[in-house]
Amino acid sequence: MDIIKKIMKTGIKFAVFVVLSLLFAIFTEIDLTVSSWFYDANNGGFYFNNYAFVQVIYDIFKHMPKLLLPAFIIFIILSIKLAWCCNQRKLCSFALIAILLGPGIIVHTVFKDNWDRARPRQIEAFGGDKVFSPAWVISDQCERNCSFVSGHAAMGYYFMILGWLLNSRRWMYFGIGLGTLVGMIRVVQGGHFLSDAILAGFIVYWSFWGIAALMKIPQPGSKVTNDPESKLPVDAKIPQVA
């Protein structure tokens, strides 16, 4: 019965992903309309880009990988000597692989450098000279580091990893909320379309889901196994989210 429930939940999540992808691909006006809410040709274009809060969030998540990658590598090195670190080596390795494969290779190398979708501020509708292309449609309007999907949003959604590390759905939802916030920051800046931000979350989630399955790490909220490397120790101080 538990297996059937897991399959059904996974199926529902995948169905939502497919439906949203189709909506953005078919009803292209969704992306254009949402971006137009934050654009004013008489007020500097995407005027929210001038707000300090927007710039701070942008800069933080731009440099986030530079902070996280060394931290994970140091932790793995320490795990060779320290007992507590040793018990968490599997989780730390999972976090490192997840950031490299999800926001790194899949988002940036596979999508951003190959789908060639122009950013909102680059297209004709918003003062640029490029042609709009829908989500999932490979274009020729950008050479590299393009709009589909959002790398900043992907780094925000990366914090869904806490759901796996702490075996908590609440922390996964925290990551979803953070990724959505960062994604919307990029939308109001004219750096990405709504579809870039939302679909980045699904791509990151499914990459984590697959890696966790291969490494036999429980999905968020699952029953804790007896594997000492697949959970935090009982006496660890875990932050609580109401």
Protein backbone atom coordinates (compact mmCIF):
# COMPACT_ATOMS: atom_id res chain seq x y z
CA MET A 1 0.00 0.00 0.00
CA ASP A 2 2.84 2.41 0.85
CA ILE A 3 4.47 1.72 -2.50
CA ILE A 4 1.21 2.46 -4.33
CA LYS A 5 0.84 5.75 -2.45
CA LYS A 6 4.40 6.75 -3.31
CA ILE A 7 3.83 5.94 -6.98
CA MET A 8 0.60 7.94 -7.01
CA LYS A 9 2.20 10.96 -5.32
CA THR A 10 5.12 10.86 -7.74
CA GLY A 11 2.71 10.51 -10.66
CA ILE A 12 0.70 13.54 -9.52
CA LYS A 13 3.85 15.67 -9.20
CA PHE A 14 4.99 14.65 -12.67
CA ALA A 15 1.53 15.35 -14.09
CA VAL A 16 1.62 18.87 -12.63
CA PHE A 17 5.04 19.37 -14.22
CA VAL A 18 3.76 18.24 -17.62
CA VAL A 19 0.56 20.32 -17.42
CA LEU A 20 2.43 23.50 -16.48
CA SER A 21 4.97 22.87 -19.24
CA LEU A 22 2.17 22.53 -21.79
CA LEU A 23 0.41 25.65 -20.51
CA PHE A 24 3.54 27.77 -20.91
CA ALA A 25 4.34 26.24 -24.31
CA ILE A 26 0.82 26.62 -25.74
CA PHE A 27 -0.42 29.80 -24.06
CA THR A 28 2.65 31.91 -24.70
CA GLU A 29 0.85 35.09 -23.65
CA ILE A 30 1.22 33.99 -20.02
CA ASP A 31 4.95 34.74 -20.06
CA LEU A 32 4.56 37.96 -22.03
CA THR A 33 1.70 39.26 -19.90
CA VAL A 34 3.43 38.62 -16.57
CA SER A 35 6.65 40.27 -17.75
CA SER A 36 4.67 43.27 -19.04
CA TRP A 37 3.40 43.95 -15.51
CA PHE A 38 6.91 44.99 -14.50
CA TYR A 39 7.88 46.87 -17.66
CA ASP A 40 7.41 50.58 -18.35
CA ALA A 41 9.12 52.04 -21.40
CA ASN A 42 8.76 55.52 -19.92
CA ASN A 43 10.31 54.53 -16.60
CA GLY A 44 13.54 52.82 -17.58
CA GLY A 45 12.09 49.52 -18.77
CA PHE A 46 12.07 46.90 -16.03
CA TYR A 47 12.13 49.50 -13.28
CA PHE A 48 12.20 47.07 -10.32
CA ASN A 49 15.79 46.32 -11.29
CA ASN A 50 16.76 49.60 -9.61
CA TYR A 51 15.48 48.54 -6.18
CA ALA A 52 18.19 47.74 -3.60
CA PHE A 53 16.36 44.66 -2.27
CA VAL A 54 16.16 43.19 -5.77
CA GLN A 55 19.86 43.78 -6.39
CA VAL A 56 20.87 42.27 -3.03
CA ILE A 57 18.92 39.05 -3.66
CA TYR A 58 20.35 38.87 -7.17
CA ASP A 59 23.94 39.22 -5.93
CA ILE A 60 23.53 36.74 -3.05
CA PHE A 61 22.30 33.90 -5.25
CA LYS A 62 24.73 34.76 -8.03
CA HIS A 63 27.63 34.00 -5.69
CA MET A 64 25.94 31.23 -3.66
CA PRO A 65 27.74 28.34 -5.45
CA LYS A 66 31.11 29.90 -4.61
CA LEU A 67 30.22 29.58 -0.92
CA LEU A 68 28.52 26.19 -0.91
CA LEU A 69 30.93 24.16 -3.05
CA PRO A 70 34.05 24.78 -0.90
CA ALA A 71 32.00 24.14 2.26
CA PHE A 72 30.86 20.73 1.00
CA ILE A 73 34.36 19.76 -0.10
CA ILE A 74 35.85 20.77 3.26
CA PHE A 75 33.15 18.81 5.10
CA ILE A 76 33.87 15.68 3.06
CA ILE A 77 37.60 16.02 3.79
CA LEU A 78 36.86 16.42 7.51
CA SER A 79 34.70 13.31 7.38
CA ILE A 80 37.85 11.25 6.96
CA LYS A 81 38.97 12.21 10.49
CA LEU A 82 35.91 13.26 12.51
CA ALA A 83 33.39 10.65 13.64
CA TRP A 84 30.27 12.84 13.40
CA CYS A 85 31.30 14.11 9.98
CA CYS A 86 31.95 10.53 8.90
CA ASN A 87 28.36 9.59 9.71
CA GLN A 88 27.13 12.45 7.52
CA ARG A 89 29.48 11.85 4.59
CA LYS A 90 26.76 10.29 2.48
CA LEU A 91 24.40 13.23 2.97
CA CYS A 92 27.16 15.75 2.30
CA SER A 93 28.18 13.86 -0.83
CA PHE A 94 24.53 13.90 -1.90
CA ALA A 95 24.36 17.69 -1.38
CA LEU A 96 27.55 18.18 -3.40
CA ILE A 97 26.45 15.93 -6.26
CA ALA A 98 23.02 17.58 -6.25
CA ILE A 99 24.35 21.12 -6.67
CA LEU A 100 26.80 20.07 -9.37
CA LEU A 101 24.28 18.01 -11.34
CA GLY A 102 21.04 19.98 -10.76
CA PRO A 103 21.68 23.76 -10.82
CA GLY A 104 25.07 23.11 -12.40
CA ILE A 105 25.14 20.66 -15.30
CA ILE A 106 21.43 20.18 -16.04
CA VAL A 107 20.27 23.79 -15.62
CA HIS A 108 23.29 25.67 -16.95
CA THR A 109 25.04 23.33 -19.37
CA VAL A 110 22.07 21.40 -20.77
CA PHE A 111 19.34 24.05 -20.80
CA LYS A 112 20.75 27.58 -20.54
CA ASP A 113 23.57 27.01 -23.03
CA ASN A 114 21.52 25.01 -25.55
CA TRP A 115 17.89 26.21 -25.58
CA ASP A 116 19.01 29.71 -26.71
CA ARG A 117 15.90 31.50 -25.46
CA ALA A 118 16.24 35.29 -25.34
CA ARG A 119 15.57 37.02 -22.03
CA PRO A 120 12.54 39.34 -21.64
CA ARG A 121 14.66 42.50 -21.75
CA GLN A 122 16.20 41.29 -25.02
CA ILE A 123 13.00 40.73 -27.02
CA GLU A 124 11.18 43.23 -29.25
CA ALA A 125 8.15 43.49 -26.96
CA PHE A 126 10.34 45.01 -24.24
CA GLY A 127 12.68 47.25 -26.19
CA GLY A 128 15.14 44.64 -27.47
CA ASP A 129 15.83 43.21 -30.92
CA LYS A 130 15.35 39.48 -30.31
CA VAL A 131 12.34 37.30 -31.12
CA PHE A 132 10.29 35.75 -28.31
CA SER A 133 10.28 31.95 -28.11
CA PRO A 134 8.00 29.85 -25.86
CA ALA A 135 9.17 27.60 -23.06
CA TRP A 136 10.73 24.29 -24.16
CA VAL A 137 11.15 25.53 -27.75
CA ILE A 138 14.79 25.53 -28.84
CA SER A 139 15.61 28.88 -30.41
CA ASP A 140 18.53 30.75 -31.97
CA GLN A 141 18.10 34.12 -30.25
CA CYS A 142 20.88 33.73 -27.67
CA GLU A 143 24.31 32.11 -27.72
CA ARG A 144 24.95 31.05 -24.11
CA ASN A 145 23.72 31.60 -20.53
CA CYS A 146 20.26 32.19 -21.94
CA SER A 147 16.82 32.57 -20.39
CA PHE A 148 15.53 28.98 -20.19
CA VAL A 149 15.67 28.09 -17.33
CA SER A 150 16.58 30.48 -14.49
CA GLY A 151 19.91 29.72 -12.84
CA HIS A 152 19.20 32.08 -9.95
CA ALA A 153 15.84 30.43 -9.29
CA ALA A 154 17.54 27.02 -9.50
CA MET A 155 19.95 28.08 -6.74
CA GLY A 156 17.00 29.21 -4.63
CA TYR A 157 15.23 25.90 -5.25
CA TYR A 158 18.48 24.14 -4.34
CA PHE A 159 17.53 24.70 -0.71
CA MET A 160 14.87 22.03 -1.21
CA ILE A 161 17.87 19.82 -0.44
CA LEU A 162 17.15 20.51 3.24
CA GLY A 163 14.07 18.34 2.85
CA TRP A 164 16.31 15.36 2.07
CA LEU A 165 19.08 16.24 4.52
CA LEU A 166 16.64 16.68 7.42
CA ASN A 167 14.02 14.22 6.14
CA SER A 168 11.41 16.96 6.40
CA ARG A 169 8.73 18.10 3.96
CA ARG A 170 8.59 21.44 5.77
CA TRP A 171 12.18 22.20 4.86
CA MET A 172 11.54 21.12 1.28
CA TYR A 173 8.62 23.57 1.16
CA PHE A 174 10.96 26.23 2.53
CA GLY A 175 13.22 25.61 -0.47
CA ILE A 176 10.26 25.83 -2.83
CA GLY A 177 9.27 29.17 -1.31
CA LEU A 178 12.82 30.52 -1.48
CA GLY A 179 13.23 29.43 -5.09
CA THR A 180 9.92 31.04 -6.01
CA LEU A 181 11.00 34.31 -4.38
CA VAL A 182 14.34 34.35 -6.19
CA GLY A 183 12.63 33.38 -9.45
CA MET A 184 10.17 36.27 -9.15
CA ILE A 185 13.07 38.63 -8.45
CA ARG A 186 14.51 37.63 -11.82
CA VAL A 187 11.12 38.08 -13.49
CA VAL A 188 10.68 41.65 -12.23
CA GLN A 189 14.25 42.40 -13.36
CA GLY A 190 13.41 41.34 -16.90
CA GLY A 191 16.04 38.63 -16.66
CA HIS A 192 13.65 35.70 -16.98
CA PHE A 193 10.11 34.77 -17.91
CA LEU A 194 7.71 33.25 -15.39
CA SER A 195 8.11 29.84 -17.06
CA ASP A 196 11.90 30.03 -16.63
CA ALA A 197 11.47 30.52 -12.89
CA ILE A 198 8.78 27.92 -12.24
CA LEU A 199 10.12 25.14 -14.47
CA ALA A 200 13.58 25.57 -12.93
CA GLY A 201 12.04 24.37 -9.67
CA PHE A 202 10.69 21.20 -11.24
CA ILE A 203 13.97 20.44 -13.01
CA VAL A 204 15.91 20.85 -9.77
CA TYR A 205 13.37 18.76 -7.84
CA TRP A 206 13.46 15.86 -10.29
CA SER A 207 17.25 15.90 -10.37
CA PHE A 208 17.31 15.64 -6.56
CA TRP A 209 14.63 12.95 -6.63
CA GLY A 210 16.66 10.83 -9.04
CA ILE A 211 19.98 11.28 -7.23
CA ALA A 212 18.38 10.46 -3.88
CA ALA A 213 16.83 7.30 -5.32
CA LEU A 214 20.18 6.15 -6.71
CA MET A 215 21.96 6.88 -3.42
CA LYS A 216 19.14 5.28 -1.41
CA ILE A 217 18.44 8.46 0.55
CA PRO A 218 14.83 8.71 1.82
CA GLN A 219 12.57 11.22 0.14
CA PRO A 220 11.47 14.14 2.40
CA GLY A 221 9.05 13.00 5.10
CA SER A 222 9.70 9.29 4.53
CA LYS A 223 10.08 6.80 7.35
CA VAL A 224 13.64 6.92 8.68
CA THR A 225 15.76 3.92 7.80
CA ASN A 226 18.39 2.23 9.93
CA ASP A 227 21.16 3.53 7.68
CA PRO A 228 23.25 5.84 9.92
CA GLU A 229 24.42 7.78 6.88
CA SER A 230 20.92 8.55 5.58
CA LYS A 231 19.78 10.70 8.47
CA LEU A 232 21.08 13.10 11.07
CA PRO A 233 21.91 11.59 14.46
CA VAL A 234 19.13 11.57 17.03
CA ASP A 235 20.93 14.05 19.29
CA ALA A 236 21.62 16.54 16.51
CA LYS A 237 20.06 19.94 16.92
CA ILE A 238 17.75 20.36 13.97
CA PRO A 239 16.18 23.79 13.34
CA GLN A 240 12.41 23.66 13.57
CA VAL A 241 9.98 25.32 11.20
CA ALA A 242 6.49 26.01 12.47
